[in-house]
Amino acid sequence: MEIFYKIIYQPIFNLLIFLYNLPFVDLGVAVILITLLIKGVLYPLGIKAAKSQKEMELIQPEIKKIQEKYKDNKEEQAKKIMELYKEKGVNPFAGMVPLFIQLPILISLFQIFNRGLENEEMQHLYAFVSKPDIISYNFMGFIDLSSPNVIFAILAGAGQYAQMRMTITKKNKNEKQDTAKAIQSQMVYFLPGFTFIILLNLPAVVGVYWIITVAFSIFQQYIIKKDKDESKDGKDKKDN
């Protein structure tokens, strides 16, 4: 817990107060700025993870062939699949890295608002960060970030749905849906619903972080799709 406090909680707490002290910045804007800053730093990792996920989808037919060929020899099956990953330059765990980094940040924000921004919490400030005279939990003058907010929960769930729809692979008419694709299709509806239910019971500040995070992820997916389409058009022109 001491490591978590020193490396994650205290820096985020100080950054939050530092941004809050800036002119025309309320607590909600400070959280949005923190989220954008974190996503900006993690942008290369996010792009890499999203591309890795797409590459994983492309080699699924080859993985299925290996699984079928070595269905009675799990050890050899795992070995051949890892060789395929290496050959294609795919890291199956790349998509988990940004998640593992963001989760402690999300927990920190929840703890900061759960404990409250009272005077006794200001002992966590660094010497160069000024202590505010008064801290208002209002966002845009009327949204209480310390309490759950149903509108933010709906927006986060809708954003999660849009993001999931962008990442799902379209199935051809004659293509039989396997178990993996069936689970993926179900997750398109399960994760947004789960997000909505969770945020109904958490401070609205978590919803703000979630909405901006999902919006940024949708932007990443758009950039990847755009680059892919441009590469495909360039290849088609070259072939013609």
C-alpha atoms as a PDB file:
ATOM      1  CA  MET A   1       0.000   0.000   0.000  1.00  0.00           C
ATOM      2  CA  GLU A   2       2.893   2.354   0.700  1.00  0.00           C
ATOM      3  CA  ILE A   3       4.206   1.853  -2.854  1.00  0.00           C
ATOM      4  CA  PHE A   4       0.727   2.487  -4.296  1.00  0.00           C
ATOM      5  CA  TYR A   5       0.458   5.664  -2.209  1.00  0.00           C
ATOM      6  CA  LYS A   6       3.864   7.063  -3.214  1.00  0.00           C
ATOM      7  CA  ILE A   7       3.828   6.123  -6.906  1.00  0.00           C
ATOM      8  CA  ILE A   8       0.154   6.570  -7.863  1.00  0.00           C
ATOM      9  CA  TYR A   9      -2.181   8.048  -5.236  1.00  0.00           C
ATOM     10  CA  GLN A  10      -0.074  10.994  -4.062  1.00  0.00           C
ATOM     11  CA  PRO A  11       1.049  12.166  -7.555  1.00  0.00           C
ATOM     12  CA  ILE A  12      -2.538  12.043  -8.887  1.00  0.00           C
ATOM     13  CA  PHE A  13      -3.855  13.831  -5.805  1.00  0.00           C
ATOM     14  CA  ASN A  14      -1.258  16.594  -6.210  1.00  0.00           C
ATOM     15  CA  LEU A  15      -1.892  16.897  -9.950  1.00  0.00           C
ATOM     16  CA  LEU A  16      -5.621  17.205  -9.272  1.00  0.00           C
ATOM     17  CA  ILE A  17      -5.115  20.035  -6.756  1.00  0.00           C
ATOM     18  CA  PHE A  18      -2.496  21.731  -8.951  1.00  0.00           C
ATOM     19  CA  LEU A  19      -4.904  21.816 -11.901  1.00  0.00           C
ATOM     20  CA  TYR A  20      -7.785  22.882  -9.654  1.00  0.00           C
ATOM     21  CA  ASN A  21      -5.715  25.904  -8.572  1.00  0.00           C
ATOM     22  CA  LEU A  22      -5.457  27.103 -12.181  1.00  0.00           C
ATOM     23  CA  PRO A  23      -7.798  29.928 -13.312  1.00  0.00           C
ATOM     24  CA  PHE A  24     -11.173  28.858 -14.750  1.00  0.00           C
ATOM     25  CA  VAL A  25     -10.640  25.192 -13.800  1.00  0.00           C
ATOM     26  CA  ASP A  26     -13.190  23.442 -11.607  1.00  0.00           C
ATOM     27  CA  LEU A  27     -12.844  19.929 -10.190  1.00  0.00           C
ATOM     28  CA  GLY A  28     -14.526  18.296 -13.206  1.00  0.00           C
ATOM     29  CA  VAL A  29     -12.281  20.098 -15.688  1.00  0.00           C
ATOM     30  CA  ALA A  30      -9.258  19.100 -13.591  1.00  0.00           C
ATOM     31  CA  VAL A  31     -10.288  15.427 -13.832  1.00  0.00           C
ATOM     32  CA  ILE A  32     -10.790  15.759 -17.605  1.00  0.00           C
ATOM     33  CA  LEU A  33      -7.325  17.321 -17.975  1.00  0.00           C
ATOM     34  CA  ILE A  34      -5.778  14.526 -15.888  1.00  0.00           C
ATOM     35  CA  THR A  35      -7.529  11.915 -18.021  1.00  0.00           C
ATOM     36  CA  LEU A  36      -6.379  13.515 -21.274  1.00  0.00           C
ATOM     37  CA  LEU A  37      -2.839  13.817 -19.938  1.00  0.00           C
ATOM     38  CA  ILE A  38      -2.755  10.149 -18.907  1.00  0.00           C
ATOM     39  CA  LYS A  39      -4.280   8.990 -22.197  1.00  0.00           C
ATOM     40  CA  GLY A  40      -1.824  11.181 -24.096  1.00  0.00           C
ATOM     41  CA  VAL A  41       1.133   9.582 -22.310  1.00  0.00           C
ATOM     42  CA  LEU A  42      -0.333   6.106 -22.890  1.00  0.00           C
ATOM     43  CA  TYR A  43      -1.310   6.873 -26.511  1.00  0.00           C
ATOM     44  CA  PRO A  44       1.556   4.891 -28.125  1.00  0.00           C
ATOM     45  CA  LEU A  45       0.745   1.900 -25.913  1.00  0.00           C
ATOM     46  CA  GLY A  46      -2.956   2.231 -26.705  1.00  0.00           C
ATOM     47  CA  ILE A  47      -2.326   2.304 -30.461  1.00  0.00           C
ATOM     48  CA  LYS A  48      -0.009  -0.684 -30.195  1.00  0.00           C
ATOM     49  CA  ALA A  49      -2.557  -2.620 -28.128  1.00  0.00           C
ATOM     50  CA  ALA A  50      -5.405  -1.851 -30.541  1.00  0.00           C
ATOM     51  CA  LYS A  51      -3.306  -2.878 -33.564  1.00  0.00           C
ATOM     52  CA  SER A  52      -2.266  -6.060 -31.762  1.00  0.00           C
ATOM     53  CA  GLN A  53      -5.927  -6.874 -31.150  1.00  0.00           C
ATOM     54  CA  LYS A  54      -6.684  -6.429 -34.868  1.00  0.00           C
ATOM     55  CA  GLU A  55      -3.705  -8.610 -35.799  1.00  0.00           C
ATOM     56  CA  MET A  56      -4.922 -11.277 -33.376  1.00  0.00           C
ATOM     57  CA  GLU A  57      -8.262 -11.320 -35.192  1.00  0.00           C
ATOM     58  CA  LEU A  58      -6.537 -11.714 -38.568  1.00  0.00           C
ATOM     59  CA  ILE A  59      -4.586 -14.811 -37.512  1.00  0.00           C
ATOM     60  CA  GLN A  60      -7.572 -16.517 -35.856  1.00  0.00           C
ATOM     61  CA  PRO A  61      -8.108 -18.875 -38.854  1.00  0.00           C
ATOM     62  CA  GLU A  62      -4.485 -20.078 -38.545  1.00  0.00           C
ATOM     63  CA  ILE A  63      -4.877 -20.535 -34.786  1.00  0.00           C
ATOM     64  CA  LYS A  64      -7.997 -22.639 -35.378  1.00  0.00           C
ATOM     65  CA  LYS A  65      -6.097 -24.872 -37.809  1.00  0.00           C
ATOM     66  CA  ILE A  66      -3.372 -25.431 -35.197  1.00  0.00           C
ATOM     67  CA  GLN A  67      -5.947 -26.158 -32.493  1.00  0.00           C
ATOM     68  CA  GLU A  68      -7.668 -28.700 -34.717  1.00  0.00           C
ATOM     69  CA  LYS A  69      -4.428 -30.329 -35.860  1.00  0.00           C
ATOM     70  CA  TYR A  70      -3.024 -30.691 -32.327  1.00  0.00           C
ATOM     71  CA  LYS A  71      -6.284 -31.104 -30.408  1.00  0.00           C
ATOM     72  CA  ASP A  72      -4.949 -34.251 -28.729  1.00  0.00           C
ATOM     73  CA  ASN A  73      -1.600 -32.682 -27.812  1.00  0.00           C
ATOM     74  CA  LYS A  74      -2.134 -29.486 -25.817  1.00  0.00           C
ATOM     75  CA  GLU A  75       1.565 -28.952 -25.182  1.00  0.00           C
ATOM     76  CA  GLU A  76       2.426 -29.048 -28.883  1.00  0.00           C
ATOM     77  CA  GLN A  77      -0.648 -26.918 -29.643  1.00  0.00           C
ATOM     78  CA  ALA A  78       0.523 -24.185 -27.259  1.00  0.00           C
ATOM     79  CA  LYS A  79       4.047 -24.370 -28.695  1.00  0.00           C
ATOM     80  CA  LYS A  80       2.825 -23.981 -32.289  1.00  0.00           C
ATOM     81  CA  ILE A  81       0.535 -21.085 -31.386  1.00  0.00           C
ATOM     82  CA  MET A  82       3.391 -19.250 -29.650  1.00  0.00           C
ATOM     83  CA  GLU A  83       5.552 -19.854 -32.737  1.00  0.00           C
ATOM     84  CA  LEU A  84       2.783 -18.341 -34.862  1.00  0.00           C
ATOM     85  CA  TYR A  85       2.647 -15.275 -32.584  1.00  0.00           C
ATOM     86  CA  LYS A  86       6.410 -14.876 -32.949  1.00  0.00           C
ATOM     87  CA  GLU A  87       6.306 -15.349 -36.721  1.00  0.00           C
ATOM     88  CA  LYS A  88       3.544 -12.750 -37.142  1.00  0.00           C
ATOM     89  CA  GLY A  89       5.042 -10.378 -34.562  1.00  0.00           C
ATOM     90  CA  VAL A  90       1.888 -10.455 -32.430  1.00  0.00           C
ATOM     91  CA  ASN A  91       1.877 -10.009 -28.652  1.00  0.00           C
ATOM     92  CA  PRO A  92      -1.321 -11.587 -27.241  1.00  0.00           C
ATOM     93  CA  PHE A  93      -0.873  -9.689 -23.965  1.00  0.00           C
ATOM     94  CA  ALA A  94      -0.344  -6.219 -25.484  1.00  0.00           C
ATOM     95  CA  GLY A  95      -3.991  -5.268 -25.033  1.00  0.00           C
ATOM     96  CA  MET A  96      -3.799  -5.820 -21.282  1.00  0.00           C
ATOM     97  CA  VAL A  97      -0.944  -3.381 -20.627  1.00  0.00           C
ATOM     98  CA  PRO A  98      -2.944  -0.102 -20.904  1.00  0.00           C
ATOM     99  CA  LEU A  99      -5.706  -1.658 -18.777  1.00  0.00           C
ATOM    100  CA  PHE A 100      -3.297  -2.640 -16.012  1.00  0.00           C
ATOM    101  CA  ILE A 101      -1.837   0.878 -16.041  1.00  0.00           C
ATOM    102  CA  GLN A 102      -5.206   2.666 -15.995  1.00  0.00           C
ATOM    103  CA  LEU A 103      -6.837   0.528 -13.302  1.00  0.00           C
ATOM    104  CA  PRO A 104      -4.674   1.886 -10.422  1.00  0.00           C
ATOM    105  CA  ILE A 105      -5.378   5.421 -11.675  1.00  0.00           C
ATOM    106  CA  LEU A 106      -9.110   4.762 -11.617  1.00  0.00           C
ATOM    107  CA  ILE A 107      -8.828   3.313  -8.094  1.00  0.00           C
ATOM    108  CA  SER A 108      -6.840   6.381  -6.986  1.00  0.00           C
ATOM    109  CA  LEU A 109      -9.480   8.812  -8.260  1.00  0.00           C
ATOM    110  CA  PHE A 110     -12.193   6.806  -6.513  1.00  0.00           C
ATOM    111  CA  GLN A 111     -10.228   6.810  -3.241  1.00  0.00           C
ATOM    112  CA  ILE A 112      -9.499  10.542  -3.471  1.00  0.00           C
ATOM    113  CA  PHE A 113     -13.195  11.391  -3.741  1.00  0.00           C
ATOM    114  CA  ASN A 114     -14.282   8.657  -1.368  1.00  0.00           C
ATOM    115  CA  ARG A 115     -11.989   9.992   1.364  1.00  0.00           C
ATOM    116  CA  GLY A 116     -12.981  13.558   0.568  1.00  0.00           C
ATOM    117  CA  LEU A 117     -10.896  16.643  -0.158  1.00  0.00           C
ATOM    118  CA  GLU A 118     -11.014  17.948   3.395  1.00  0.00           C
ATOM    119  CA  ASN A 119      -8.273  19.817   5.277  1.00  0.00           C
ATOM    120  CA  GLU A 120      -6.762  16.651   6.776  1.00  0.00           C
ATOM    121  CA  GLU A 121      -6.241  15.236   3.263  1.00  0.00           C
ATOM    122  CA  MET A 122      -4.137  18.253   2.299  1.00  0.00           C
ATOM    123  CA  GLN A 123      -1.225  16.747   4.219  1.00  0.00           C
ATOM    124  CA  HIS A 124      -0.624  14.670   1.064  1.00  0.00           C
ATOM    125  CA  LEU A 125       0.289  17.796  -0.919  1.00  0.00           C
ATOM    126  CA  TYR A 126       3.844  18.356  -2.070  1.00  0.00           C
ATOM    127  CA  ALA A 127       5.578  21.490  -0.800  1.00  0.00           C
ATOM    128  CA  PHE A 128       5.271  23.251  -4.182  1.00  0.00           C
ATOM    129  CA  VAL A 129       1.492  22.662  -4.538  1.00  0.00           C
ATOM    130  CA  SER A 130      -0.638  25.348  -2.909  1.00  0.00           C
ATOM    131  CA  LYS A 131      -3.511  24.365  -0.656  1.00  0.00           C
ATOM    132  CA  PRO A 132      -6.844  25.771  -1.955  1.00  0.00           C
ATOM    133  CA  ASP A 133      -8.894  27.876   0.431  1.00  0.00           C
ATOM    134  CA  ILE A 134     -12.124  26.119  -0.568  1.00  0.00           C
ATOM    135  CA  ILE A 135     -12.732  23.064  -2.755  1.00  0.00           C
ATOM    136  CA  SER A 136     -16.063  22.798  -4.535  1.00  0.00           C
ATOM    137  CA  TYR A 137     -17.219  19.395  -5.758  1.00  0.00           C
ATOM    138  CA  ASN A 138     -19.365  21.021  -8.427  1.00  0.00           C
ATOM    139  CA  PHE A 139     -18.716  20.463 -12.116  1.00  0.00           C
ATOM    140  CA  MET A 140     -20.009  23.188 -14.475  1.00  0.00           C
ATOM    141  CA  GLY A 141     -21.627  24.786 -11.459  1.00  0.00           C
ATOM    142  CA  PHE A 142     -24.371  22.230 -10.796  1.00  0.00           C
ATOM    143  CA  ILE A 143     -23.097  18.598 -11.023  1.00  0.00           C
ATOM    144  CA  ASP A 144     -21.931  17.107  -7.714  1.00  0.00           C
ATOM    145  CA  LEU A 145     -18.913  14.931  -8.529  1.00  0.00           C
ATOM    146  CA  SER A 146     -18.942  13.266  -5.113  1.00  0.00           C
ATOM    147  CA  SER A 147     -22.333  11.599  -5.757  1.00  0.00           C
ATOM    148  CA  PRO A 148     -23.456   9.099  -8.441  1.00  0.00           C
ATOM    149  CA  ASN A 149     -24.883  10.622 -11.613  1.00  0.00           C
ATOM    150  CA  VAL A 150     -27.276   8.652 -13.843  1.00  0.00           C
ATOM    151  CA  ILE A 151     -26.576  10.831 -16.914  1.00  0.00           C
ATOM    152  CA  PHE A 152     -22.851  10.121 -16.708  1.00  0.00           C
ATOM    153  CA  ALA A 153     -23.602   6.419 -16.238  1.00  0.00           C
ATOM    154  CA  ILE A 154     -25.739   6.427 -19.411  1.00  0.00           C
ATOM    155  CA  LEU A 155     -23.114   8.346 -21.416  1.00  0.00           C
ATOM    156  CA  ALA A 156     -20.339   6.009 -20.246  1.00  0.00           C
ATOM    157  CA  GLY A 157     -22.416   2.933 -21.122  1.00  0.00           C
ATOM    158  CA  ALA A 158     -23.295   4.344 -24.557  1.00  0.00           C
ATOM    159  CA  GLY A 159     -19.658   5.223 -25.209  1.00  0.00           C
ATOM    160  CA  GLN A 160     -18.581   1.729 -24.148  1.00  0.00           C
ATOM    161  CA  TYR A 161     -21.130   0.255 -26.584  1.00  0.00           C
ATOM    162  CA  ALA A 162     -19.837   2.427 -29.449  1.00  0.00           C
ATOM    163  CA  GLN A 163     -16.268   1.405 -28.700  1.00  0.00           C
ATOM    164  CA  MET A 164     -17.171  -2.299 -28.599  1.00  0.00           C
ATOM    165  CA  ARG A 165     -19.028  -2.016 -31.907  1.00  0.00           C
ATOM    166  CA  MET A 166     -15.912  -0.542 -33.500  1.00  0.00           C
ATOM    167  CA  THR A 167     -13.687  -3.385 -32.315  1.00  0.00           C
ATOM    168  CA  ILE A 168     -15.947  -6.316 -33.248  1.00  0.00           C
ATOM    169  CA  THR A 169     -15.148  -8.128 -36.476  1.00  0.00           C
ATOM    170  CA  LYS A 170     -17.894  -8.303 -39.082  1.00  0.00           C
ATOM    171  CA  LYS A 171     -18.976 -11.837 -39.919  1.00  0.00           C
ATOM    172  CA  ASN A 172     -19.481 -12.958 -43.493  1.00  0.00           C
ATOM    173  CA  LYS A 173     -22.926 -14.340 -44.373  1.00  0.00           C
ATOM    174  CA  ASN A 174     -21.611 -17.863 -45.000  1.00  0.00           C
ATOM    175  CA  GLU A 175     -19.221 -17.833 -42.044  1.00  0.00           C
ATOM    176  CA  LYS A 176     -20.193 -19.992 -39.111  1.00  0.00           C
ATOM    177  CA  GLN A 177     -20.016 -18.157 -35.785  1.00  0.00           C
ATOM    178  CA  ASP A 178     -17.646 -19.891 -33.386  1.00  0.00           C
ATOM    179  CA  THR A 179     -17.648 -19.718 -29.596  1.00  0.00           C
ATOM    180  CA  ALA A 180     -15.103 -16.866 -29.463  1.00  0.00           C
ATOM    181  CA  LYS A 181     -17.149 -14.685 -31.814  1.00  0.00           C
ATOM    182  CA  ALA A 182     -20.347 -15.534 -29.947  1.00  0.00           C
ATOM    183  CA  ILE A 183     -18.747 -14.391 -26.671  1.00  0.00           C
ATOM    184  CA  GLN A 184     -17.442 -11.246 -28.379  1.00  0.00           C
ATOM    185  CA  SER A 185     -20.948 -10.445 -29.637  1.00  0.00           C
ATOM    186  CA  GLN A 186     -22.404 -10.901 -26.154  1.00  0.00           C
ATOM    187  CA  MET A 187     -19.733  -8.661 -24.621  1.00  0.00           C
ATOM    188  CA  VAL A 188     -20.889  -5.809 -26.888  1.00  0.00           C
ATOM    189  CA  TYR A 189     -24.028  -5.652 -24.762  1.00  0.00           C
ATOM    190  CA  PHE A 190     -22.731  -7.003 -21.454  1.00  0.00           C
ATOM    191  CA  LEU A 191     -19.861  -4.536 -20.903  1.00  0.00           C
ATOM    192  CA  PRO A 192     -21.924  -1.358 -21.541  1.00  0.00           C
ATOM    193  CA  GLY A 193     -24.636  -2.663 -19.223  1.00  0.00           C
ATOM    194  CA  PHE A 194     -22.065  -3.588 -16.585  1.00  0.00           C
ATOM    195  CA  THR A 195     -20.457  -0.146 -16.922  1.00  0.00           C
ATOM    196  CA  PHE A 196     -23.831   1.561 -16.457  1.00  0.00           C
ATOM    197  CA  ILE A 197     -24.682  -0.463 -13.318  1.00  0.00           C
ATOM    198  CA  ILE A 198     -21.239   0.069 -11.756  1.00  0.00           C
ATOM    199  CA  LEU A 199     -21.273   3.836 -12.324  1.00  0.00           C
ATOM    200  CA  LEU A 200     -24.730   4.157 -10.811  1.00  0.00           C
ATOM    201  CA  ASN A 201     -23.101   3.352  -7.467  1.00  0.00           C
ATOM    202  CA  LEU A 202     -19.844   5.301  -7.787  1.00  0.00           C
ATOM    203  CA  PRO A 203     -19.056   9.020  -7.500  1.00  0.00           C
ATOM    204  CA  ALA A 204     -19.721  10.955 -10.717  1.00  0.00           C
ATOM    205  CA  VAL A 205     -15.999  11.742 -10.976  1.00  0.00           C
ATOM    206  CA  VAL A 206     -15.385   8.109 -11.962  1.00  0.00           C
ATOM    207  CA  GLY A 207     -18.007   8.564 -14.690  1.00  0.00           C
ATOM    208  CA  VAL A 208     -16.172  11.643 -16.001  1.00  0.00           C
ATOM    209  CA  TYR A 209     -12.927   9.675 -16.170  1.00  0.00           C
ATOM    210  CA  TRP A 210     -14.674   6.734 -17.856  1.00  0.00           C
ATOM    211  CA  ILE A 211     -16.430   8.893 -20.478  1.00  0.00           C
ATOM    212  CA  ILE A 212     -13.237  10.702 -21.491  1.00  0.00           C
ATOM    213  CA  THR A 213     -11.279   7.423 -21.523  1.00  0.00           C
ATOM    214  CA  VAL A 214     -13.840   5.732 -23.791  1.00  0.00           C
ATOM    215  CA  ALA A 215     -14.027   8.797 -26.069  1.00  0.00           C
ATOM    216  CA  PHE A 216     -10.238   8.754 -26.394  1.00  0.00           C
ATOM    217  CA  SER A 217     -10.302   5.007 -27.150  1.00  0.00           C
ATOM    218  CA  ILE A 218     -12.895   5.585 -29.898  1.00  0.00           C
ATOM    219  CA  PHE A 219     -10.568   8.242 -31.344  1.00  0.00           C
ATOM    220  CA  GLN A 220      -7.702   5.705 -31.314  1.00  0.00           C
ATOM    221  CA  GLN A 221      -9.850   3.130 -33.110  1.00  0.00           C
ATOM    222  CA  TYR A 222     -10.783   5.736 -35.727  1.00  0.00           C
ATOM    223  CA  ILE A 223      -7.115   6.594 -36.342  1.00  0.00           C
ATOM    224  CA  ILE A 224      -6.201   2.909 -36.721  1.00  0.00           C
ATOM    225  CA  LYS A 225      -9.116   2.280 -39.110  1.00  0.00           C
ATOM    226  CA  LYS A 226      -8.216   5.369 -41.139  1.00  0.00           C
ATOM    227  CA  ASP A 227      -4.569   4.288 -41.429  1.00  0.00           C
ATOM    228  CA  LYS A 228      -5.655   0.781 -42.400  1.00  0.00           C
ATOM    229  CA  ASP A 229      -8.035   2.078 -45.084  1.00  0.00           C
ATOM    230  CA  GLU A 230      -5.366   4.417 -46.484  1.00  0.00           C
ATOM    231  CA  SER A 231      -2.834   1.575 -46.592  1.00  0.00           C
ATOM    232  CA  LYS A 232      -5.370  -0.654 -48.339  1.00  0.00           C
ATOM    233  CA  ASP A 233      -6.201   2.086 -50.911  1.00  0.00           C
ATOM    234  CA  GLY A 234      -2.499   2.656 -51.523  1.00  0.00           C
ATOM    235  CA  LYS A 235      -1.938  -1.059 -52.063  1.00  0.00           C
ATOM    236  CA  ASP A 236      -4.932  -1.327 -54.420  1.00  0.00           C
ATOM    237  CA  LYS A 237      -3.665   1.621 -56.523  1.00  0.00           C
ATOM    238  CA  LYS A 238      -0.213   0.068 -56.668  1.00  0.00           C
ATOM    239  CA  ASP A 239      -1.635  -3.279 -57.822  1.00  0.00           C
ATOM    240  CA  ASN A 240      -3.676  -1.547 -60.513  1.00  0.00           C
END
